[in-house]
Amino acid sequence: MVLVAVWIQPEQFRKAAERIRPIAHRTPVMTSRSFDAEAGVAAYFKCENLQRGGAFKIRGAANFIFSIPPEDLARGVVAYSSGNHAQAVAIAARHVGARATIVMPTDAPRSKVEATRSYGASIVTYDRLRENREAIGARIAQESGATLVPPYDHPWIIAGQGTVALELLEQAPALDALIAPVGGGGLLSGCAIAAKSIHPNIRIFGVEPEDANDTFLSFRAGRRVEIPPPKTLADGLRATCPGEITFPILRELAEDILLVSEEEIRSALKFLLARMKILVEPSAAAPAAAALFRKLPAGVGSVGVILSGGNVDFEVIQGL
């Protein structure tokens, strides 16, 4: 892992786990015989939907914010996000007494916007079809002196997200594979490095919606491919291009990127809710859908499925 070692050493995940311990929960792992029977594989669900803020994002955001020097933290933080990273940054900033400004799209789920605001953050909205969130965030950071907390493309973020895999492999140590959703790639790249450092032979897979397939296309092209803003129920997976840092990590460590349809995402979400009594958001249902609809390759007998979050509007549930 020569390329990966340039960015993130395995010990950084252990340090991140200690750093975020005061704020991040150790989430449970659940199993379901009925799911296993349908999927033809033994699935171990890492329930980040039960995480602080309702998603894994608190891990990376806290690791980043808790690493900022106090003199810089006094000028606040700024982030851009459709919801889960927004909430995570707001929670972590409040924990250290820092001001947080979050750039969110006008079509972000209402529940995520309201939750972010309730944690004390100021919200700036933008139109994702006409405006560039990175540019807006950079301008706010430059004008205010605040530190920009990116959603995925930074070693501190990746190390924080990788603590999911550290916990999972302590709770379910004999996994053949690990599967996670892919937006910008922070979760999957962090988990890939962490998991491979413990079990070098574990197989790593990412999952994207068919209409939000930037990482899938990038894998096939051998370079980062950008797509137009996608329309998908999985609002957390609407990235248009994989990260500059995360993509090389995924190319090196992930075996493949699997695609699921919108209907498969809905079916998996309903299965988890009706049969396992687990409420997840559509982005989190994507890897469950890949397992449920048997998209994993032959030879995978057991798989860790990361349920990345549980922040979903009631209207989405009603429309399933």
Protein backbone atom coordinates (compact mmCIF):
# COMPACT_ATOMS: atom_id res chain seq x y z
CA MET A 1 0.00 0.00 0.00
CA VAL A 2 2.69 2.48 -1.04
CA LEU A 3 0.32 5.09 -2.44
CA VAL A 4 -2.06 4.96 0.51
CA ALA A 5 0.79 5.21 3.02
CA VAL A 6 1.63 8.64 1.64
CA TRP A 7 -1.69 9.90 2.97
CA ILE A 8 -2.84 7.86 5.93
CA GLN A 9 -0.93 5.40 8.09
CA PRO A 10 -2.96 2.70 9.88
CA GLU A 11 -2.04 4.09 13.31
CA GLN A 12 -3.88 7.29 12.43
CA PHE A 13 -7.16 5.39 12.66
CA ARG A 14 -6.39 4.31 16.22
CA LYS A 15 -5.51 7.89 17.13
CA ALA A 16 -8.72 9.12 15.49
CA ALA A 17 -10.75 6.58 17.47
CA GLU A 18 -9.30 7.90 20.72
CA ARG A 19 -9.75 11.52 19.66
CA ILE A 20 -13.45 11.16 18.84
CA ARG A 21 -14.32 8.87 21.75
CA PRO A 22 -15.94 11.70 23.80
CA ILE A 23 -18.50 12.42 21.07
CA ALA A 24 -18.96 9.39 18.79
CA HIS A 25 -20.96 6.30 19.80
CA ARG A 26 -19.73 2.75 19.41
CA THR A 27 -22.60 1.55 17.24
CA PRO A 28 -24.02 -1.98 17.36
CA VAL A 29 -23.78 -4.73 14.74
CA MET A 30 -27.03 -6.52 13.86
CA THR A 31 -27.83 -9.66 11.91
CA SER A 32 -30.98 -11.11 10.32
CA ARG A 33 -31.61 -14.70 9.34
CA SER A 34 -34.39 -13.60 6.97
CA PHE A 35 -32.05 -11.15 5.21
CA ASP A 36 -29.33 -13.77 4.94
CA ALA A 37 -31.79 -16.22 3.40
CA GLU A 38 -32.83 -13.69 0.76
CA ALA A 39 -29.29 -12.48 0.06
CA GLY A 40 -27.52 -15.82 0.14
CA VAL A 41 -24.79 -14.36 2.33
CA ALA A 42 -24.27 -13.81 6.06
CA ALA A 43 -24.65 -10.04 6.55
CA TYR A 44 -23.41 -8.09 9.55
CA PHE A 45 -24.98 -4.64 9.65
CA LYS A 46 -22.90 -1.88 11.22
CA CYS A 47 -25.62 0.47 12.43
CA GLU A 48 -24.28 3.98 11.91
CA ASN A 49 -27.91 5.04 11.60
CA LEU A 50 -27.78 4.91 15.42
CA GLN A 51 -24.71 7.17 15.53
CA ARG A 52 -24.62 10.63 17.09
CA GLY A 53 -26.31 12.94 14.59
CA GLY A 54 -27.82 9.92 12.85
CA ALA A 55 -24.87 9.08 10.58
CA PHE A 56 -21.22 8.05 10.40
CA LYS A 57 -20.23 11.61 9.46
CA ILE A 58 -19.65 12.64 13.09
CA ARG A 59 -16.51 10.49 13.07
CA GLY A 60 -14.70 12.39 10.34
CA ALA A 61 -16.04 15.81 11.27
CA ALA A 62 -15.04 15.39 14.92
CA ASN A 63 -11.59 14.06 14.04
CA PHE A 64 -11.04 17.08 11.81
CA ILE A 65 -12.43 19.74 14.14
CA PHE A 66 -10.72 18.29 17.21
CA SER A 67 -7.42 18.48 15.26
CA ILE A 68 -7.72 22.20 14.42
CA PRO A 69 -5.34 24.43 16.46
CA PRO A 70 -7.22 26.50 19.09
CA GLU A 71 -6.15 29.81 17.56
CA ASP A 72 -7.73 28.79 14.24
CA LEU A 73 -10.78 27.21 15.86
CA ALA A 74 -11.61 30.56 17.46
CA ARG A 75 -12.44 31.90 13.98
CA GLY A 76 -15.02 29.18 13.43
CA VAL A 77 -15.56 26.49 10.82
CA VAL A 78 -17.44 26.30 7.54
CA ALA A 79 -18.66 23.25 5.61
CA TYR A 80 -20.82 22.32 2.64
CA SER A 81 -23.19 19.37 2.74
CA SER A 82 -26.64 18.09 1.81
CA GLY A 83 -27.21 17.09 5.40
CA ASN A 84 -25.27 14.47 7.34
CA HIS A 85 -21.87 16.18 7.20
CA ALA A 86 -23.69 19.43 7.98
CA GLN A 87 -25.14 17.99 11.18
CA ALA A 88 -21.85 16.37 12.14
CA VAL A 89 -19.89 19.60 11.75
CA ALA A 90 -22.52 21.52 13.71
CA ILE A 91 -22.42 18.97 16.57
CA ALA A 92 -18.62 18.80 16.73
CA ALA A 93 -18.28 22.60 16.52
CA ARG A 94 -20.75 23.07 19.35
CA HIS A 95 -18.81 20.53 21.43
CA VAL A 96 -15.68 22.72 21.26
CA GLY A 97 -17.52 26.04 21.36
CA ALA A 98 -16.75 27.05 17.77
CA ARG A 99 -19.04 28.93 15.38
CA ALA A 100 -20.24 26.86 12.41
CA THR A 101 -21.54 28.01 9.03
CA ILE A 102 -22.97 25.35 6.72
CA VAL A 103 -23.63 25.67 2.97
CA MET A 104 -26.62 23.48 2.08
CA PRO A 105 -28.55 22.96 -1.18
CA THR A 106 -32.09 24.32 -1.42
CA ASP A 107 -33.36 20.78 -2.03
CA ALA A 108 -31.68 19.23 1.02
CA PRO A 109 -34.02 17.04 3.10
CA ARG A 110 -35.98 19.25 5.45
CA SER A 111 -35.22 17.06 8.46
CA LYS A 112 -31.48 17.46 7.89
CA VAL A 113 -31.73 21.24 7.51
CA GLU A 114 -33.80 21.58 10.68
CA ALA A 115 -31.48 19.32 12.64
CA THR A 116 -28.40 21.25 11.50
CA ARG A 117 -29.96 24.53 12.55
CA SER A 118 -31.00 23.05 15.91
CA TYR A 119 -27.35 22.29 16.67
CA GLY A 120 -26.59 26.00 16.46
CA ALA A 121 -25.13 26.32 12.96
CA SER A 122 -25.83 29.19 10.56
CA ILE A 123 -27.08 27.96 7.18
CA VAL A 124 -26.35 29.44 3.75
CA THR A 125 -28.39 27.89 0.91
CA TYR A 126 -27.47 27.44 -2.75
CA ASP A 127 -28.93 25.97 -5.95
CA ARG A 128 -27.01 22.76 -6.73
CA LEU A 129 -27.89 23.01 -10.43
CA ARG A 130 -26.54 26.55 -10.90
CA GLU A 131 -24.06 27.24 -8.12
CA ASN A 132 -20.83 25.67 -6.87
CA ARG A 133 -20.85 24.75 -3.20
CA GLU A 134 -17.06 24.46 -2.99
CA ALA A 135 -16.66 28.00 -4.28
CA ILE A 136 -19.25 29.33 -1.83
CA GLY A 137 -17.60 27.56 1.08
CA ALA A 138 -14.14 28.79 0.08
CA ARG A 139 -15.39 32.37 -0.18
CA ILE A 140 -16.98 32.25 3.27
CA ALA A 141 -13.80 30.76 4.74
CA GLN A 142 -11.64 33.43 3.12
CA GLU A 143 -13.86 36.30 4.24
CA SER A 144 -14.33 35.08 7.82
CA GLY A 145 -11.04 33.33 8.50
CA ALA A 146 -12.95 30.15 9.35
CA THR A 147 -11.47 26.72 8.69
CA LEU A 148 -13.10 24.80 5.85
CA VAL A 149 -14.10 21.27 6.92
CA PRO A 150 -14.46 19.21 3.71
CA PRO A 151 -17.00 16.36 3.58
CA TYR A 152 -14.59 13.65 2.45
CA ASP A 153 -11.39 14.67 0.67
CA HIS A 154 -8.95 15.14 3.55
CA PRO A 155 -6.78 12.69 5.55
CA TRP A 156 -8.34 13.78 8.87
CA ILE A 157 -11.83 13.09 7.53
CA ILE A 158 -10.82 9.76 5.99
CA ALA A 159 -9.11 8.63 9.20
CA GLY A 160 -12.21 9.48 11.23
CA GLN A 161 -14.53 7.62 8.88
CA GLY A 162 -12.25 4.58 8.91
CA THR A 163 -12.96 4.06 12.61
CA VAL A 164 -16.22 2.45 11.46
CA ALA A 165 -14.22 -0.48 10.08
CA LEU A 166 -12.04 -0.71 13.20
CA GLU A 167 -15.15 -1.22 15.33
CA LEU A 168 -16.85 -3.53 12.85
CA LEU A 169 -13.88 -5.90 12.69
CA GLU A 170 -13.69 -6.01 16.48
CA GLN A 171 -17.39 -6.90 16.60
CA ALA A 172 -17.38 -9.29 13.61
CA PRO A 173 -13.75 -10.30 13.02
CA ALA A 174 -14.21 -13.09 10.45
CA LEU A 175 -15.66 -11.19 7.48
CA ASP A 176 -14.92 -12.10 3.87
CA ALA A 177 -15.89 -8.65 2.60
CA LEU A 178 -16.96 -5.14 3.53
CA ILE A 179 -19.47 -3.08 1.56
CA ALA A 180 -20.36 0.60 1.92
CA PRO A 181 -22.08 3.36 -0.04
CA VAL A 182 -19.95 5.73 -2.10
CA GLY A 183 -20.61 9.46 -2.32
CA GLY A 184 -17.31 11.30 -2.35
CA GLY A 185 -15.53 8.19 -1.10
CA GLY A 186 -14.46 9.24 2.40
CA LEU A 187 -16.25 6.40 4.19
CA LEU A 188 -15.22 3.63 1.80
CA SER A 189 -11.60 4.79 1.44
CA GLY A 190 -11.15 5.12 5.19
CA CYS A 191 -12.75 1.77 5.88
CA ALA A 192 -10.72 0.14 3.11
CA ILE A 193 -7.39 1.26 4.58
CA ALA A 194 -8.41 0.38 8.14
CA ALA A 195 -9.86 -3.01 7.21
CA LYS A 196 -6.94 -4.00 4.99
CA SER A 197 -4.49 -3.07 7.75
CA ILE A 198 -6.22 -5.66 9.97
CA HIS A 199 -7.22 -8.30 7.40
CA PRO A 200 -5.20 -7.84 4.18
CA ASN A 201 -7.35 -10.33 2.27
CA ILE A 202 -10.73 -8.77 3.06
CA ARG A 203 -12.61 -7.80 -0.11
CA ILE A 204 -13.83 -4.21 -0.39
CA PHE A 205 -16.84 -3.08 -2.44
CA GLY A 206 -18.55 0.24 -2.92
CA VAL A 207 -22.16 0.81 -3.98
CA GLU A 208 -23.71 3.64 -5.98
CA PRO A 209 -27.17 4.32 -7.45
CA GLU A 210 -27.33 3.67 -11.18
CA ASP A 211 -27.97 7.35 -11.86
CA ALA A 212 -25.21 8.58 -9.52
CA ASN A 213 -22.45 6.42 -10.92
CA ASP A 214 -19.44 8.77 -11.01
CA THR A 215 -17.15 6.39 -9.09
CA PHE A 216 -18.33 3.38 -11.14
CA LEU A 217 -17.50 5.25 -14.36
CA SER A 218 -14.22 6.47 -12.93
CA PHE A 219 -13.23 2.90 -12.06
CA ARG A 220 -13.85 1.82 -15.65
CA ALA A 221 -12.05 4.82 -17.13
CA GLY A 222 -9.07 4.65 -14.78
CA ARG A 223 -9.44 8.34 -13.98
CA ARG A 224 -11.85 10.64 -12.14
CA VAL A 225 -15.00 11.14 -14.23
CA GLU A 226 -17.47 13.95 -13.54
CA ILE A 227 -21.19 13.55 -14.17
CA PRO A 228 -24.06 16.10 -14.09
CA PRO A 229 -25.86 16.51 -10.76
CA PRO A 230 -27.71 13.18 -10.48
CA LYS A 231 -31.30 12.59 -9.52
CA THR A 232 -31.60 9.83 -6.96
CA LEU A 233 -33.55 9.07 -3.82
CA ALA A 234 -30.17 8.58 -2.11
CA ASP A 235 -29.45 12.27 -1.46
CA GLY A 236 -26.18 11.52 0.33
CA LEU A 237 -24.76 9.87 -2.80
CA ARG A 238 -25.25 12.77 -5.21
CA ALA A 239 -21.55 13.52 -5.62
CA THR A 240 -20.67 14.37 -9.21
CA CYS A 241 -17.02 13.25 -9.07
CA PRO A 242 -14.97 11.09 -6.70
CA GLY A 243 -12.46 12.85 -4.48
CA GLU A 244 -8.94 13.72 -5.56
CA ILE A 245 -7.56 11.90 -2.51
CA THR A 246 -10.21 9.23 -2.07
CA PHE A 247 -10.30 7.95 -5.65
CA PRO A 248 -6.67 6.70 -5.80
CA ILE A 249 -7.25 4.90 -2.50
CA LEU A 250 -10.38 3.22 -3.84
CA ARG A 251 -8.65 2.24 -7.08
CA GLU A 252 -5.91 0.56 -5.08
CA LEU A 253 -7.96 -1.15 -2.39
CA ALA A 254 -11.55 -1.64 -3.61
CA GLU A 255 -12.34 -4.63 -5.80
CA ASP A 256 -15.33 -3.08 -7.55
CA ILE A 257 -18.13 -0.53 -7.45
CA LEU A 258 -21.60 -2.11 -7.63
CA LEU A 259 -24.71 -0.35 -8.95
CA VAL A 260 -28.26 -0.55 -7.60
CA SER A 261 -31.51 0.78 -9.04
CA GLU A 262 -33.86 3.18 -7.29
CA GLU A 263 -36.39 0.38 -6.88
CA GLU A 264 -33.77 -1.89 -5.33
CA ILE A 265 -32.88 0.87 -2.86
CA ARG A 266 -36.56 1.25 -1.94
CA SER A 267 -36.97 -2.50 -1.52
CA ALA A 268 -33.95 -2.77 0.75
CA LEU A 269 -35.10 0.19 2.84
CA LYS A 270 -38.51 -1.40 3.27
CA PHE A 271 -36.98 -4.78 4.12
CA LEU A 272 -34.78 -3.28 6.84
CA LEU A 273 -37.70 -1.35 8.29
CA ALA A 274 -40.34 -4.08 8.12
CA ARG A 275 -38.26 -7.17 8.88
CA MET A 276 -35.42 -5.86 11.04
CA LYS A 277 -37.09 -2.74 12.52
CA ILE A 278 -34.14 -0.62 11.38
CA LEU A 279 -34.87 2.81 9.92
CA VAL A 280 -32.20 3.96 7.46
CA GLU A 281 -31.99 6.65 4.82
CA PRO A 282 -31.86 5.68 1.14
CA SER A 283 -28.09 6.19 0.92
CA ALA A 284 -27.62 3.67 3.72
CA ALA A 285 -29.99 1.22 2.04
CA ALA A 286 -27.83 1.12 -1.11
CA PRO A 287 -25.22 -1.39 0.16
CA ALA A 288 -27.97 -3.47 1.75
CA ALA A 289 -29.67 -3.51 -1.67
CA ALA A 290 -26.49 -4.74 -3.33
CA ALA A 291 -26.33 -7.65 -0.90
CA LEU A 292 -30.07 -8.34 -0.96
CA PHE A 293 -30.18 -8.49 -4.76
CA ARG A 294 -27.08 -10.70 -4.90
CA LYS A 295 -24.72 -8.31 -6.65
CA LEU A 296 -21.70 -9.43 -4.66
CA PRO A 297 -19.43 -11.81 -6.57
CA ALA A 298 -19.06 -15.49 -5.87
CA GLY A 299 -16.93 -16.49 -2.92
CA VAL A 300 -18.30 -13.94 -0.45
CA GLY A 301 -19.80 -15.90 2.43
CA SER A 302 -19.95 -13.14 5.02
CA VAL A 303 -20.06 -9.38 4.53
CA GLY A 304 -20.04 -6.32 6.74
CA VAL A 305 -22.71 -3.92 5.51
CA ILE A 306 -22.28 -0.33 6.66
CA LEU A 307 -25.66 1.31 7.23
CA SER A 308 -24.28 4.81 6.91
CA GLY A 309 -27.18 6.87 8.30
CA GLY A 310 -30.78 7.08 9.36
CA ASN A 311 -31.78 10.68 8.62
CA VAL A 312 -34.80 10.45 6.34
CA ASP A 313 -37.87 12.64 5.88
CA PHE A 314 -41.22 11.06 6.72
CA GLU A 315 -42.41 11.93 3.21
CA VAL A 316 -39.81 9.57 1.77
CA ILE A 317 -41.04 6.74 3.98
CA GLN A 318 -44.64 7.45 3.02
CA GLY A 319 -43.74 7.36 -0.67
CA LEU A 320 -42.08 3.94 -0.62
